[in-house]
Amino acid sequence: MNPKTKPRESIMPAMLVALLLVSGLSSAKDTGSEAPIRKAMEAYRTAWLANNPDLVLKTLTPDAVLMPSTSAEPIAGQDAIRAYWWPPNMQFTIDRFEQPILEVEAGESLAFARGTSHVVWTTSGKTAESETNFLAVLKKRADGTWRIHRLAWYLKP
């Protein structure tokens, strides 16, 4: 991690913006509107478990933006996301990915999902893991499917 980057301080403005974006969502507790959002988040999780970059990228909008606490700048667009998550000459496998969704709220075209994740991966014969809190803003496409539009996370202490 960049010593100049303070993970919690750097991610909070991004999370605040994301919450403001979805502040116009319906406050009614319509659990039926949660199902497609949960399905989209599950597709993201299972794409990672399939260790298939193309499947992971299909769960994102073309103009998706990542806002990890470990990066000073947002990662915008699918080409930049591919380079960030799958850099050349680095191979890894996702061994486990748990992603409990703690909160979902959906409007007509925007939604958010908030939760935690626990990921275990192997690279060069070594296993590593991380635990994070995340906030995903999802956007509804013309065909009615939902894709992750913005994704912010920070590592748990």
N, C-alpha and C. Protein backbone atom coordinates (compact mmCIF):
# COMPACT_ATOMS: atom_id res chain seq x y z
N MET A 1 0.84 -1.17 0.00
CA MET A 1 0.00 0.00 0.00
C MET A 1 0.88 1.23 0.00
N ASN A 2 0.47 2.23 -0.72
CA ASN A 2 1.17 3.49 -0.76
C ASN A 2 1.12 4.12 0.63
N PRO A 3 2.27 4.44 1.24
CA PRO A 3 2.26 5.00 2.59
C PRO A 3 1.55 6.34 2.67
N LYS A 4 1.42 7.04 1.55
CA LYS A 4 0.73 8.34 1.56
C LYS A 4 -0.79 8.17 1.55
N THR A 5 -1.26 6.98 1.21
CA THR A 5 -2.69 6.74 1.11
C THR A 5 -3.22 6.28 2.46
N LYS A 6 -4.25 6.91 2.92
CA LYS A 6 -4.91 6.52 4.15
C LYS A 6 -6.22 5.87 3.74
N PRO A 7 -6.30 4.52 3.80
CA PRO A 7 -7.42 3.80 3.21
C PRO A 7 -8.79 4.33 3.61
N ARG A 8 -9.07 4.47 4.86
CA ARG A 8 -10.41 4.89 5.27
C ARG A 8 -10.70 6.32 4.87
N GLU A 9 -9.71 7.19 4.96
CA GLU A 9 -9.94 8.58 4.59
C GLU A 9 -10.13 8.72 3.09
N SER A 10 -9.41 7.94 2.29
CA SER A 10 -9.50 8.09 0.84
C SER A 10 -10.79 7.49 0.28
N ILE A 11 -11.35 6.49 0.91
CA ILE A 11 -12.54 5.84 0.37
C ILE A 11 -13.82 6.53 0.83
N MET A 12 -13.79 7.21 1.94
CA MET A 12 -15.01 7.82 2.47
C MET A 12 -15.65 8.83 1.51
N PRO A 13 -14.89 9.73 0.87
CA PRO A 13 -15.55 10.64 -0.08
C PRO A 13 -16.23 9.89 -1.22
N ALA A 14 -15.59 8.84 -1.71
CA ALA A 14 -16.19 8.05 -2.80
C ALA A 14 -17.47 7.38 -2.33
N MET A 15 -17.46 6.85 -1.12
CA MET A 15 -18.66 6.19 -0.61
C MET A 15 -19.77 7.21 -0.39
N LEU A 16 -19.43 8.41 0.06
CA LEU A 16 -20.43 9.44 0.25
C LEU A 16 -21.06 9.82 -1.08
N VAL A 17 -20.26 9.97 -2.12
CA VAL A 17 -20.79 10.29 -3.45
C VAL A 17 -21.72 9.17 -3.91
N ALA A 18 -21.31 7.92 -3.71
CA ALA A 18 -22.15 6.80 -4.13
C ALA A 18 -23.48 6.81 -3.38
N LEU A 19 -23.44 7.10 -2.10
CA LEU A 19 -24.69 7.15 -1.34
C LEU A 19 -25.57 8.30 -1.81
N LEU A 20 -24.97 9.43 -2.16
CA LEU A 20 -25.76 10.53 -2.68
C LEU A 20 -26.39 10.19 -4.02
N LEU A 21 -25.66 9.42 -4.85
CA LEU A 21 -26.20 9.00 -6.14
C LEU A 21 -27.46 8.18 -5.98
N VAL A 22 -27.48 7.36 -4.94
CA VAL A 22 -28.63 6.47 -4.77
C VAL A 22 -29.64 7.01 -3.76
N SER A 23 -29.44 8.23 -3.30
CA SER A 23 -30.34 8.78 -2.29
C SER A 23 -31.76 8.95 -2.79
N GLY A 24 -31.93 8.99 -4.11
CA GLY A 24 -33.27 9.12 -4.67
C GLY A 24 -34.00 7.80 -4.78
N LEU A 25 -33.41 6.73 -4.29
CA LEU A 25 -34.05 5.43 -4.38
C LEU A 25 -35.27 5.38 -3.47
N SER A 26 -36.18 4.52 -3.82
CA SER A 26 -37.37 4.32 -3.01
C SER A 26 -36.97 3.82 -1.64
N SER A 27 -37.57 4.38 -0.61
CA SER A 27 -37.25 3.92 0.74
C SER A 27 -38.19 2.80 1.17
N ALA A 28 -39.15 2.47 0.33
CA ALA A 28 -40.06 1.38 0.66
C ALA A 28 -39.29 0.06 0.68
N LYS A 29 -39.64 -0.80 1.61
CA LYS A 29 -38.99 -2.10 1.72
C LYS A 29 -39.67 -3.10 0.80
N ASP A 30 -39.36 -3.03 -0.48
CA ASP A 30 -39.91 -3.92 -1.47
C ASP A 30 -38.90 -5.03 -1.72
N THR A 31 -39.04 -6.15 -1.02
CA THR A 31 -38.06 -7.21 -1.13
C THR A 31 -38.03 -7.81 -2.52
N GLY A 32 -39.09 -7.68 -3.30
CA GLY A 32 -39.08 -8.18 -4.67
C GLY A 32 -38.06 -7.46 -5.53
N SER A 33 -37.80 -6.18 -5.26
CA SER A 33 -36.83 -5.44 -6.04
C SER A 33 -35.39 -5.77 -5.64
N GLU A 34 -35.22 -6.43 -4.51
CA GLU A 34 -33.89 -6.83 -4.06
C GLU A 34 -33.36 -8.03 -4.83
N ALA A 35 -34.23 -8.91 -5.26
CA ALA A 35 -33.80 -10.17 -5.87
C ALA A 35 -32.89 -9.97 -7.09
N PRO A 36 -33.23 -9.09 -8.04
CA PRO A 36 -32.33 -8.92 -9.19
C PRO A 36 -30.96 -8.35 -8.80
N ILE A 37 -30.94 -7.54 -7.77
CA ILE A 37 -29.67 -6.95 -7.31
C ILE A 37 -28.81 -8.06 -6.69
N ARG A 38 -29.43 -8.86 -5.84
CA ARG A 38 -28.71 -9.98 -5.22
C ARG A 38 -28.22 -10.96 -6.30
N LYS A 39 -29.03 -11.17 -7.31
CA LYS A 39 -28.64 -12.06 -8.41
C LYS A 39 -27.42 -11.51 -9.15
N ALA A 40 -27.39 -10.21 -9.40
CA ALA A 40 -26.25 -9.58 -10.08
C ALA A 40 -24.99 -9.68 -9.23
N MET A 41 -25.11 -9.49 -7.93
CA MET A 41 -23.95 -9.60 -7.05
C MET A 41 -23.47 -11.05 -6.96
N GLU A 42 -24.39 -11.99 -7.00
CA GLU A 42 -24.01 -13.41 -6.99
C GLU A 42 -23.30 -13.79 -8.30
N ALA A 43 -23.74 -13.22 -9.41
CA ALA A 43 -23.07 -13.47 -10.70
C ALA A 43 -21.62 -12.97 -10.64
N TYR A 44 -21.42 -11.83 -10.01
CA TYR A 44 -20.07 -11.28 -9.84
C TYR A 44 -19.21 -12.24 -9.02
N ARG A 45 -19.75 -12.70 -7.90
CA ARG A 45 -19.02 -13.61 -7.01
C ARG A 45 -18.68 -14.92 -7.73
N THR A 46 -19.64 -15.51 -8.39
CA THR A 46 -19.39 -16.80 -9.05
C THR A 46 -18.47 -16.66 -10.27
N ALA A 47 -18.50 -15.49 -10.92
CA ALA A 47 -17.56 -15.26 -12.02
C ALA A 47 -16.12 -15.28 -11.51
N TRP A 48 -15.90 -14.68 -10.35
CA TRP A 48 -14.56 -14.73 -9.75
C TRP A 48 -14.18 -16.16 -9.41
N LEU A 49 -15.12 -16.92 -8.85
CA LEU A 49 -14.83 -18.31 -8.49
C LEU A 49 -14.55 -19.16 -9.72
N ALA A 50 -15.09 -18.78 -10.86
CA ALA A 50 -14.81 -19.49 -12.12
C ALA A 50 -13.44 -19.13 -12.67
N ASN A 51 -12.78 -18.13 -12.05
CA ASN A 51 -11.46 -17.67 -12.48
C ASN A 51 -11.46 -17.30 -13.96
N ASN A 52 -12.51 -16.54 -14.34
CA ASN A 52 -12.71 -16.16 -15.73
C ASN A 52 -12.84 -14.63 -15.83
N PRO A 53 -11.78 -13.94 -16.23
CA PRO A 53 -11.84 -12.47 -16.32
C PRO A 53 -12.99 -11.95 -17.20
N ASP A 54 -13.25 -12.63 -18.31
CA ASP A 54 -14.33 -12.16 -19.19
C ASP A 54 -15.69 -12.22 -18.50
N LEU A 55 -15.93 -13.29 -17.73
CA LEU A 55 -17.18 -13.38 -16.99
C LEU A 55 -17.28 -12.29 -15.92
N VAL A 56 -16.18 -12.03 -15.23
CA VAL A 56 -16.18 -10.97 -14.21
C VAL A 56 -16.52 -9.64 -14.87
N LEU A 57 -15.86 -9.32 -15.99
CA LEU A 57 -16.09 -8.04 -16.66
C LEU A 57 -17.52 -7.91 -17.18
N LYS A 58 -18.16 -9.03 -17.52
CA LYS A 58 -19.56 -8.99 -17.98
C LYS A 58 -20.52 -8.60 -16.87
N THR A 59 -20.08 -8.69 -15.62
CA THR A 59 -20.95 -8.29 -14.51
C THR A 59 -20.87 -6.78 -14.25
N LEU A 60 -19.98 -6.10 -14.98
CA LEU A 60 -19.77 -4.66 -14.82
C LEU A 60 -20.34 -3.91 -16.02
N THR A 61 -20.69 -2.65 -15.82
CA THR A 61 -21.06 -1.80 -16.94
C THR A 61 -19.79 -1.47 -17.73
N PRO A 62 -19.92 -1.10 -19.01
CA PRO A 62 -18.71 -0.76 -19.79
C PRO A 62 -17.92 0.41 -19.19
N ASP A 63 -18.62 1.31 -18.52
CA ASP A 63 -17.97 2.48 -17.92
C ASP A 63 -17.84 2.35 -16.40
N ALA A 64 -17.74 1.12 -15.93
CA ALA A 64 -17.62 0.89 -14.49
C ALA A 64 -16.39 1.57 -13.91
N VAL A 65 -16.46 1.88 -12.62
CA VAL A 65 -15.34 2.50 -11.91
C VAL A 65 -15.13 1.75 -10.60
N LEU A 66 -13.88 1.36 -10.35
CA LEU A 66 -13.49 0.75 -9.08
C LEU A 66 -12.86 1.82 -8.20
N MET A 67 -13.14 1.74 -6.91
CA MET A 67 -12.56 2.68 -5.95
C MET A 67 -12.02 1.91 -4.76
N PRO A 68 -10.91 1.17 -4.97
CA PRO A 68 -10.34 0.41 -3.86
C PRO A 68 -9.56 1.32 -2.92
N SER A 69 -9.54 0.95 -1.65
CA SER A 69 -8.80 1.76 -0.67
C SER A 69 -7.30 1.71 -0.90
N THR A 70 -6.83 0.74 -1.68
CA THR A 70 -5.39 0.59 -1.92
C THR A 70 -4.90 1.40 -3.12
N SER A 71 -5.79 2.14 -3.76
CA SER A 71 -5.40 2.92 -4.94
C SER A 71 -5.71 4.39 -4.69
N ALA A 72 -4.77 5.23 -5.05
CA ALA A 72 -4.98 6.67 -4.86
C ALA A 72 -5.99 7.23 -5.85
N GLU A 73 -6.10 6.58 -7.01
CA GLU A 73 -7.00 7.04 -8.06
C GLU A 73 -8.04 5.97 -8.39
N PRO A 74 -9.24 6.38 -8.78
CA PRO A 74 -10.22 5.39 -9.25
C PRO A 74 -9.73 4.71 -10.52
N ILE A 75 -10.19 3.48 -10.72
CA ILE A 75 -9.86 2.71 -11.92
C ILE A 75 -11.11 2.71 -12.79
N ALA A 76 -11.05 3.41 -13.91
CA ALA A 76 -12.24 3.65 -14.72
C ALA A 76 -12.19 2.94 -16.06
N GLY A 77 -13.27 2.24 -16.39
CA GLY A 77 -13.40 1.58 -17.68
C GLY A 77 -12.87 0.15 -17.67
N GLN A 78 -13.41 -0.67 -18.56
CA GLN A 78 -13.08 -2.09 -18.55
C GLN A 78 -11.62 -2.38 -18.88
N ASP A 79 -10.99 -1.62 -19.75
CA ASP A 79 -9.58 -1.85 -20.06
C ASP A 79 -8.71 -1.61 -18.84
N ALA A 80 -8.97 -0.52 -18.14
CA ALA A 80 -8.19 -0.20 -16.93
C ALA A 80 -8.47 -1.21 -15.82
N ILE A 81 -9.71 -1.66 -15.72
CA ILE A 81 -10.06 -2.66 -14.70
C ILE A 81 -9.35 -3.97 -15.00
N ARG A 82 -9.36 -4.39 -16.26
CA ARG A 82 -8.66 -5.63 -16.63
C ARG A 82 -7.17 -5.51 -16.28
N ALA A 83 -6.54 -4.40 -16.59
CA ALA A 83 -5.12 -4.22 -16.29
C ALA A 83 -4.86 -4.20 -14.79
N TYR A 84 -5.80 -3.66 -14.01
CA TYR A 84 -5.65 -3.58 -12.55
C TYR A 84 -5.80 -4.96 -11.92
N TRP A 85 -6.86 -5.69 -12.27
CA TRP A 85 -7.13 -6.98 -11.65
C TRP A 85 -6.30 -8.12 -12.23
N TRP A 86 -5.96 -8.05 -13.51
CA TRP A 86 -5.21 -9.13 -14.17
C TRP A 86 -3.99 -8.56 -14.88
N PRO A 87 -3.01 -8.09 -14.12
CA PRO A 87 -1.82 -7.52 -14.76
C PRO A 87 -1.06 -8.61 -15.54
N PRO A 88 -0.34 -8.18 -16.57
CA PRO A 88 0.46 -9.15 -17.35
C PRO A 88 1.46 -9.89 -16.45
N ASN A 89 1.73 -11.10 -16.79
CA ASN A 89 2.71 -11.92 -16.07
C ASN A 89 2.33 -12.24 -14.63
N MET A 90 1.05 -12.13 -14.30
CA MET A 90 0.61 -12.50 -12.96
C MET A 90 -0.59 -13.42 -13.11
N GLN A 91 -0.47 -14.61 -12.58
CA GLN A 91 -1.57 -15.55 -12.62
C GLN A 91 -1.95 -15.91 -11.19
N PHE A 92 -3.24 -16.05 -10.97
CA PHE A 92 -3.73 -16.44 -9.66
C PHE A 92 -5.05 -17.17 -9.84
N THR A 93 -5.44 -17.88 -8.81
CA THR A 93 -6.75 -18.51 -8.79
C THR A 93 -7.47 -18.09 -7.53
N ILE A 94 -8.75 -17.85 -7.68
CA ILE A 94 -9.60 -17.56 -6.53
C ILE A 94 -10.04 -18.90 -5.97
N ASP A 95 -9.71 -19.15 -4.72
CA ASP A 95 -10.03 -20.42 -4.08
C ASP A 95 -11.34 -20.35 -3.30
N ARG A 96 -11.62 -19.19 -2.75
CA ARG A 96 -12.85 -19.01 -1.97
C ARG A 96 -13.26 -17.55 -2.06
N PHE A 97 -14.55 -17.30 -2.17
CA PHE A 97 -15.07 -15.93 -2.22
C PHE A 97 -16.45 -15.94 -1.55
N GLU A 98 -16.47 -15.44 -0.34
CA GLU A 98 -17.73 -15.29 0.40
C GLU A 98 -18.10 -13.82 0.36
N GLN A 99 -19.38 -13.54 0.13
CA GLN A 99 -19.80 -12.15 -0.02
C GLN A 99 -21.21 -11.95 0.56
N PRO A 100 -21.33 -11.93 1.88
CA PRO A 100 -22.65 -11.68 2.45
C PRO A 100 -23.13 -10.26 2.12
N ILE A 101 -24.34 -10.17 1.60
CA ILE A 101 -24.94 -8.88 1.30
C ILE A 101 -25.75 -8.46 2.52
N LEU A 102 -25.41 -7.33 3.10
CA LEU A 102 -26.06 -6.87 4.32
C LEU A 102 -27.22 -5.91 4.08
N GLU A 103 -27.19 -5.22 2.94
CA GLU A 103 -28.23 -4.23 2.65
C GLU A 103 -28.36 -4.06 1.15
N VAL A 104 -29.58 -3.97 0.70
CA VAL A 104 -29.87 -3.73 -0.71
C VAL A 104 -31.02 -2.74 -0.79
N GLU A 105 -30.92 -1.80 -1.71
CA GLU A 105 -32.03 -0.90 -1.99
C GLU A 105 -32.01 -0.60 -3.48
N ALA A 106 -33.19 -0.61 -4.10
CA ALA A 106 -33.26 -0.44 -5.55
C ALA A 106 -34.30 0.58 -5.94
N GLY A 107 -33.97 1.36 -6.95
CA GLY A 107 -34.90 2.27 -7.58
C GLY A 107 -35.18 1.79 -8.99
N GLU A 108 -35.65 2.68 -9.82
CA GLU A 108 -35.97 2.30 -11.20
C GLU A 108 -34.74 1.94 -12.01
N SER A 109 -33.67 2.72 -11.87
CA SER A 109 -32.49 2.48 -12.71
C SER A 109 -31.18 2.37 -11.94
N LEU A 110 -31.19 2.72 -10.66
CA LEU A 110 -29.99 2.60 -9.82
C LEU A 110 -30.33 1.82 -8.56
N ALA A 111 -29.33 1.13 -8.06
CA ALA A 111 -29.49 0.38 -6.82
C ALA A 111 -28.15 0.34 -6.11
N PHE A 112 -28.17 -0.07 -4.84
CA PHE A 112 -26.91 -0.30 -4.17
C PHE A 112 -26.99 -1.58 -3.37
N ALA A 113 -25.83 -2.18 -3.18
CA ALA A 113 -25.67 -3.34 -2.32
C ALA A 113 -24.47 -3.06 -1.43
N ARG A 114 -24.64 -3.34 -0.15
CA ARG A 114 -23.57 -3.14 0.81
C ARG A 114 -23.34 -4.46 1.52
N GLY A 115 -22.07 -4.78 1.76
CA GLY A 115 -21.78 -6.03 2.45
C GLY A 115 -20.32 -6.18 2.80
N THR A 116 -19.94 -7.42 3.02
CA THR A 116 -18.57 -7.75 3.35
C THR A 116 -18.10 -8.83 2.38
N SER A 117 -16.81 -9.04 2.33
CA SER A 117 -16.30 -10.14 1.51
C SER A 117 -15.07 -10.74 2.18
N HIS A 118 -14.90 -12.02 1.92
CA HIS A 118 -13.72 -12.74 2.35
C HIS A 118 -13.24 -13.52 1.14
N VAL A 119 -12.05 -13.19 0.67
CA VAL A 119 -11.51 -13.80 -0.55
C VAL A 119 -10.18 -14.48 -0.21
N VAL A 120 -10.03 -15.71 -0.72
CA VAL A 120 -8.79 -16.47 -0.58
C VAL A 120 -8.32 -16.79 -1.99
N TRP A 121 -7.05 -16.51 -2.28
CA TRP A 121 -6.50 -16.78 -3.60
C TRP A 121 -5.10 -17.37 -3.49
N THR A 122 -4.68 -18.00 -4.60
CA THR A 122 -3.35 -18.59 -4.67
C THR A 122 -2.62 -18.01 -5.86
N THR A 123 -1.38 -17.59 -5.64
CA THR A 123 -0.51 -17.12 -6.70
C THR A 123 0.90 -17.59 -6.39
N SER A 124 1.58 -18.10 -7.39
CA SER A 124 2.95 -18.62 -7.23
C SER A 124 3.05 -19.62 -6.09
N GLY A 125 2.03 -20.44 -5.92
CA GLY A 125 2.05 -21.46 -4.88
C GLY A 125 1.80 -20.96 -3.48
N LYS A 126 1.54 -19.68 -3.33
CA LYS A 126 1.29 -19.10 -2.00
C LYS A 126 -0.17 -18.67 -1.90
N THR A 127 -0.74 -18.89 -0.73
CA THR A 127 -2.14 -18.51 -0.49
C THR A 127 -2.18 -17.20 0.29
N ALA A 128 -3.12 -16.36 -0.10
CA ALA A 128 -3.34 -15.08 0.58
C ALA A 128 -4.84 -14.89 0.75
N GLU A 129 -5.22 -13.95 1.58
CA GLU A 129 -6.64 -13.67 1.77
C GLU A 129 -6.84 -12.23 2.20
N SER A 130 -8.07 -11.77 2.02
CA SER A 130 -8.42 -10.43 2.47
C SER A 130 -9.88 -10.42 2.91
N GLU A 131 -10.17 -9.50 3.80
CA GLU A 131 -11.54 -9.25 4.24
C GLU A 131 -11.82 -7.77 4.03
N THR A 132 -12.96 -7.48 3.42
CA THR A 132 -13.29 -6.10 3.10
C THR A 132 -14.75 -5.79 3.44
N ASN A 133 -15.03 -4.52 3.50
CA ASN A 133 -16.38 -3.97 3.44
C ASN A 133 -16.51 -3.37 2.06
N PHE A 134 -17.69 -3.46 1.44
CA PHE A 134 -17.84 -2.92 0.10
C PHE A 134 -19.19 -2.23 -0.05
N LEU A 135 -19.23 -1.35 -1.04
CA LEU A 135 -20.45 -0.71 -1.48
C LEU A 135 -20.46 -0.76 -3.00
N ALA A 136 -21.49 -1.38 -3.57
CA ALA A 136 -21.63 -1.47 -5.02
C ALA A 136 -22.86 -0.67 -5.44
N VAL A 137 -22.68 0.17 -6.44
CA VAL A 137 -23.80 0.86 -7.08
C VAL A 137 -24.05 0.13 -8.39
N LEU A 138 -25.27 -0.29 -8.59
CA LEU A 138 -25.63 -1.04 -9.80
C LEU A 138 -26.54 -0.21 -10.67
N LYS A 139 -26.44 -0.44 -11.97
CA LYS A 139 -27.23 0.29 -12.95
C LYS A 139 -28.04 -0.70 -13.77
N LYS A 140 -29.30 -0.35 -14.00
CA LYS A 140 -30.18 -1.21 -14.79
C LYS A 140 -29.96 -0.92 -16.27
N ARG A 141 -29.78 -1.99 -17.04
CA ARG A 141 -29.57 -1.86 -18.48
C ARG A 141 -30.92 -1.86 -19.20
N ALA A 142 -30.90 -1.49 -20.45
CA ALA A 142 -32.13 -1.42 -21.25
C ALA A 142 -32.85 -2.76 -21.31
N ASP A 143 -32.08 -3.86 -21.24
CA ASP A 143 -32.71 -5.19 -21.30
C ASP A 143 -33.25 -5.65 -19.94
N GLY A 144 -33.16 -4.77 -18.93
CA GLY A 144 -33.70 -5.08 -17.61
C GLY A 144 -32.73 -5.75 -16.66
N THR A 145 -31.52 -6.09 -17.13
CA THR A 145 -30.53 -6.71 -16.25
C THR A 145 -29.75 -5.63 -15.51
N TRP A 146 -29.18 -6.01 -14.40
CA TRP A 146 -28.40 -5.10 -13.57
C TRP A 146 -26.93 -5.44 -13.68
N ARG A 147 -26.09 -4.40 -13.70
CA ARG A 147 -24.64 -4.55 -13.73
C ARG A 147 -24.03 -3.61 -12.69
N ILE A 148 -22.86 -4.00 -12.20
CA ILE A 148 -22.15 -3.16 -11.24
C ILE A 148 -21.58 -1.97 -12.00
N HIS A 149 -21.91 -0.79 -11.51
CA HIS A 149 -21.52 0.46 -12.15
C HIS A 149 -20.36 1.13 -11.40
N ARG A 150 -20.42 1.09 -10.09
CA ARG A 150 -19.36 1.61 -9.22
C ARG A 150 -19.15 0.61 -8.11
N LEU A 151 -17.89 0.39 -7.74
CA LEU A 151 -17.58 -0.55 -6.67
C LEU A 151 -16.46 0.04 -5.82
N ALA A 152 -16.77 0.24 -4.54
CA ALA A 152 -15.79 0.77 -3.59
C ALA A 152 -15.62 -0.25 -2.46
N TRP A 153 -14.38 -0.44 -2.03
CA TRP A 153 -14.14 -1.34 -0.90
C TRP A 153 -12.93 -0.88 -0.14
N TYR A 154 -12.90 -1.29 1.13
CA TYR A 154 -11.70 -1.06 1.93
C TYR A 154 -11.45 -2.28 2.79
N LEU A 155 -10.17 -2.53 3.03
CA LEU A 155 -9.75 -3.68 3.81
C LEU A 155 -10.15 -3.49 5.26
N LYS A 156 -10.62 -4.53 5.87
CA LYS A 156 -10.92 -4.50 7.29
C LYS A 156 -9.60 -4.51 8.06
N PRO A 157 -9.57 -3.78 9.16
CA PRO A 157 -8.32 -3.75 9.97
C PRO A 157 -8.04 -5.10 10.61
